[in-house]
Amino acid sequence: MTLSPYAPIIGLFALAAGFALFSVAAARFAGPRRLNKAKLEAYECGIEPSPQPVGGGRFPIKFYLTAMLFIVFDIEIIFLYPWAVSFDALPIFGFVEMVLFIVAVFVAYAYVWRRGGLDWD
């Protein structure tokens, strides 16, 4: 009987899931249960939580812009790392494509910078 090439990966996932379930169950049974009002409230970096409306509060657009900038530069790194690893195997076409990609990301960065998206008031 031969094992599937995916058997080690499936085994690793099963081991990780088993460890996660065991950790949650062990903490539930072994941990102290001293609940009070402070533990049941939302934690906001040591600051007293401000009251929120029933439907939830509104967030300033700066939070979303910061998240979108993070995603743009995270995608840039995701594309740059494999390109840097296989740089020797790529012809000049790969270099030109990466230069165009970096220019496009830089244009987006300059636009956000000029619009004040990097200023945190």
C-alpha atoms as a PDB file:
ATOM      1  CA  MET A   1       0.000   0.000   0.000  1.00  0.00           C
ATOM      2  CA  THR A   2       1.501   3.337  -1.059  1.00  0.00           C
ATOM      3  CA  LEU A   3       0.803   6.591   0.686  1.00  0.00           C
ATOM      4  CA  SER A   4      -0.552   9.545  -1.158  1.00  0.00           C
ATOM      5  CA  PRO A   5       1.914  12.407  -1.639  1.00  0.00           C
ATOM      6  CA  TYR A   6      -0.535  14.552   0.351  1.00  0.00           C
ATOM      7  CA  ALA A   7      -0.510  12.249   3.393  1.00  0.00           C
ATOM      8  CA  PRO A   8       2.168  14.257   5.298  1.00  0.00           C
ATOM      9  CA  ILE A   9       0.283  17.514   4.715  1.00  0.00           C
ATOM     10  CA  ILE A  10      -3.010  15.971   5.820  1.00  0.00           C
ATOM     11  CA  GLY A  11      -1.257  14.524   8.860  1.00  0.00           C
ATOM     12  CA  LEU A  12       0.196  17.932   9.729  1.00  0.00           C
ATOM     13  CA  PHE A  13      -3.236  19.569   9.463  1.00  0.00           C
ATOM     14  CA  ALA A  14      -4.747  16.826  11.633  1.00  0.00           C
ATOM     15  CA  LEU A  15      -2.000  17.263  14.225  1.00  0.00           C
ATOM     16  CA  ALA A  16      -2.482  21.064  14.246  1.00  0.00           C
ATOM     17  CA  ALA A  17      -6.259  20.740  14.590  1.00  0.00           C
ATOM     18  CA  GLY A  18      -5.886  18.176  17.370  1.00  0.00           C
ATOM     19  CA  PHE A  19      -3.448  20.413  19.256  1.00  0.00           C
ATOM     20  CA  ALA A  20      -5.756  23.427  18.883  1.00  0.00           C
ATOM     21  CA  LEU A  21      -8.785  21.497  20.141  1.00  0.00           C
ATOM     22  CA  PHE A  22      -6.803  20.000  23.019  1.00  0.00           C
ATOM     23  CA  SER A  23      -5.469  23.438  24.029  1.00  0.00           C
ATOM     24  CA  VAL A  24      -8.925  25.017  24.051  1.00  0.00           C
ATOM     25  CA  ALA A  25     -10.424  22.113  26.012  1.00  0.00           C
ATOM     26  CA  ALA A  26      -7.557  22.017  28.518  1.00  0.00           C
ATOM     27  CA  ALA A  27      -7.796  25.770  29.129  1.00  0.00           C
ATOM     28  CA  ARG A  28     -11.535  25.468  29.653  1.00  0.00           C
ATOM     29  CA  PHE A  29     -11.146  22.767  32.315  1.00  0.00           C
ATOM     30  CA  ALA A  30      -7.881  23.851  33.957  1.00  0.00           C
ATOM     31  CA  GLY A  31      -8.212  27.645  33.903  1.00  0.00           C
ATOM     32  CA  PRO A  32      -9.680  29.741  36.718  1.00  0.00           C
ATOM     33  CA  ARG A  33     -13.235  31.010  36.344  1.00  0.00           C
ATOM     34  CA  ARG A  34     -13.242  34.377  38.094  1.00  0.00           C
ATOM     35  CA  LEU A  35     -15.372  36.554  35.896  1.00  0.00           C
ATOM     36  CA  ASN A  36     -16.080  40.157  36.830  1.00  0.00           C
ATOM     37  CA  LYS A  37     -17.398  43.248  35.084  1.00  0.00           C
ATOM     38  CA  ALA A  38     -13.963  44.386  33.890  1.00  0.00           C
ATOM     39  CA  LYS A  39     -13.213  41.030  32.232  1.00  0.00           C
ATOM     40  CA  LEU A  40     -16.517  40.996  30.376  1.00  0.00           C
ATOM     41  CA  GLU A  41     -16.053  44.467  28.842  1.00  0.00           C
ATOM     42  CA  ALA A  42     -14.276  45.187  25.563  1.00  0.00           C
ATOM     43  CA  TYR A  43     -10.569  45.956  25.954  1.00  0.00           C
ATOM     44  CA  GLU A  44      -9.298  49.064  24.168  1.00  0.00           C
ATOM     45  CA  CYS A  45      -5.560  49.286  24.927  1.00  0.00           C
ATOM     46  CA  GLY A  46      -6.081  50.206  28.567  1.00  0.00           C
ATOM     47  CA  ILE A  47      -8.426  53.076  27.748  1.00  0.00           C
ATOM     48  CA  GLU A  48     -11.919  53.071  29.184  1.00  0.00           C
ATOM     49  CA  PRO A  49     -14.223  51.882  26.395  1.00  0.00           C
ATOM     50  CA  SER A  50     -16.402  54.604  24.980  1.00  0.00           C
ATOM     51  CA  PRO A  51     -20.116  53.870  24.689  1.00  0.00           C
ATOM     52  CA  GLN A  52     -21.168  52.691  21.234  1.00  0.00           C
ATOM     53  CA  PRO A  53     -24.584  52.926  19.612  1.00  0.00           C
ATOM     54  CA  VAL A  54     -26.628  49.726  19.421  1.00  0.00           C
ATOM     55  CA  GLY A  55     -25.943  49.205  15.696  1.00  0.00           C
ATOM     56  CA  GLY A  56     -22.205  49.814  16.086  1.00  0.00           C
ATOM     57  CA  GLY A  57     -20.160  52.944  15.630  1.00  0.00           C
ATOM     58  CA  ARG A  58     -18.817  54.533  12.490  1.00  0.00           C
ATOM     59  CA  PHE A  59     -15.097  54.437  11.759  1.00  0.00           C
ATOM     60  CA  PRO A  60     -13.233  57.268  10.066  1.00  0.00           C
ATOM     61  CA  ILE A  61     -12.206  56.595   6.462  1.00  0.00           C
ATOM     62  CA  LYS A  62      -8.525  56.842   7.476  1.00  0.00           C
ATOM     63  CA  PHE A  63      -8.715  53.333   8.948  1.00  0.00           C
ATOM     64  CA  TYR A  64      -9.863  51.890   5.634  1.00  0.00           C
ATOM     65  CA  LEU A  65      -7.275  53.836   3.639  1.00  0.00           C
ATOM     66  CA  THR A  66      -4.519  52.561   5.917  1.00  0.00           C
ATOM     67  CA  ALA A  67      -5.752  48.999   5.479  1.00  0.00           C
ATOM     68  CA  MET A  68      -5.858  49.373   1.706  1.00  0.00           C
ATOM     69  CA  LEU A  69      -2.323  50.796   1.657  1.00  0.00           C
ATOM     70  CA  PHE A  70      -1.124  47.862   3.712  1.00  0.00           C
ATOM     71  CA  ILE A  71      -2.711  45.442   1.236  1.00  0.00           C
ATOM     72  CA  VAL A  72      -1.136  47.225  -1.759  1.00  0.00           C
ATOM     73  CA  PHE A  73       2.366  47.086  -0.298  1.00  0.00           C
ATOM     74  CA  ASP A  74       1.836  43.552   0.980  1.00  0.00           C
ATOM     75  CA  ILE A  75       0.946  42.450  -2.557  1.00  0.00           C
ATOM     76  CA  GLU A  76       4.046  44.229  -3.802  1.00  0.00           C
ATOM     77  CA  ILE A  77       6.224  42.153  -1.485  1.00  0.00           C
ATOM     78  CA  ILE A  78       4.380  38.979  -2.484  1.00  0.00           C
ATOM     79  CA  PHE A  79       5.337  39.654  -6.122  1.00  0.00           C
ATOM     80  CA  LEU A  80       8.857  40.926  -5.437  1.00  0.00           C
ATOM     81  CA  TYR A  81      10.089  38.005  -3.349  1.00  0.00           C
ATOM     82  CA  PRO A  82       9.622  35.208  -5.929  1.00  0.00           C
ATOM     83  CA  TRP A  83      10.956  37.520  -8.631  1.00  0.00           C
ATOM     84  CA  ALA A  84      14.111  38.163  -6.597  1.00  0.00           C
ATOM     85  CA  VAL A  85      14.586  34.446  -5.964  1.00  0.00           C
ATOM     86  CA  SER A  86      14.349  33.549  -9.668  1.00  0.00           C
ATOM     87  CA  PHE A  87      16.027  36.695 -11.025  1.00  0.00           C
ATOM     88  CA  ASP A  88      18.889  34.762 -12.680  1.00  0.00           C
ATOM     89  CA  ALA A  89      16.490  32.512 -14.611  1.00  0.00           C
ATOM     90  CA  LEU A  90      14.384  35.356 -16.008  1.00  0.00           C
ATOM     91  CA  PRO A  91      15.242  37.071 -19.264  1.00  0.00           C
ATOM     92  CA  ILE A  92      15.130  40.840 -19.715  1.00  0.00           C
ATOM     93  CA  PHE A  93      11.349  40.611 -20.093  1.00  0.00           C
ATOM     94  CA  GLY A  94      11.014  39.702 -16.384  1.00  0.00           C
ATOM     95  CA  PHE A  95      13.138  42.694 -15.411  1.00  0.00           C
ATOM     96  CA  VAL A  96      11.099  45.104 -17.535  1.00  0.00           C
ATOM     97  CA  GLU A  97       7.825  43.739 -16.160  1.00  0.00           C
ATOM     98  CA  MET A  98       9.022  44.183 -12.572  1.00  0.00           C
ATOM     99  CA  VAL A  99      10.195  47.730 -13.273  1.00  0.00           C
ATOM    100  CA  LEU A 100       6.756  48.555 -14.686  1.00  0.00           C
ATOM    101  CA  PHE A 101       5.105  46.976 -11.639  1.00  0.00           C
ATOM    102  CA  ILE A 102       7.277  48.967  -9.220  1.00  0.00           C
ATOM    103  CA  VAL A 103       6.565  52.182 -11.152  1.00  0.00           C
ATOM    104  CA  ALA A 104       2.812  51.508 -10.914  1.00  0.00           C
ATOM    105  CA  VAL A 105       3.047  50.930  -7.166  1.00  0.00           C
ATOM    106  CA  PHE A 106       5.197  54.037  -6.756  1.00  0.00           C
ATOM    107  CA  VAL A 107       2.612  56.115  -8.640  1.00  0.00           C
ATOM    108  CA  ALA A 108      -0.066  54.847  -6.227  1.00  0.00           C
ATOM    109  CA  TYR A 109       2.196  55.663  -3.270  1.00  0.00           C
ATOM    110  CA  ALA A 110       2.899  59.181  -4.571  1.00  0.00           C
ATOM    111  CA  TYR A 111      -0.818  59.771  -5.152  1.00  0.00           C
ATOM    112  CA  VAL A 112      -1.697  58.727  -1.606  1.00  0.00           C
ATOM    113  CA  TRP A 113       1.162  60.784  -0.208  1.00  0.00           C
ATOM    114  CA  ARG A 114       0.063  63.917  -2.084  1.00  0.00           C
ATOM    115  CA  ARG A 115      -3.569  63.426  -1.004  1.00  0.00           C
ATOM    116  CA  GLY A 116      -2.517  63.245   2.663  1.00  0.00           C
ATOM    117  CA  GLY A 117      -3.355  59.575   3.149  1.00  0.00           C
ATOM    118  CA  LEU A 118      -0.158  59.007   5.124  1.00  0.00           C
ATOM    119  CA  ASP A 119      -0.846  61.855   7.584  1.00  0.00           C
ATOM    120  CA  TRP A 120      -2.281  60.511  10.806  1.00  0.00           C
ATOM    121  CA  ASP A 121      -4.195  63.312  12.555  1.00  0.00           C
END
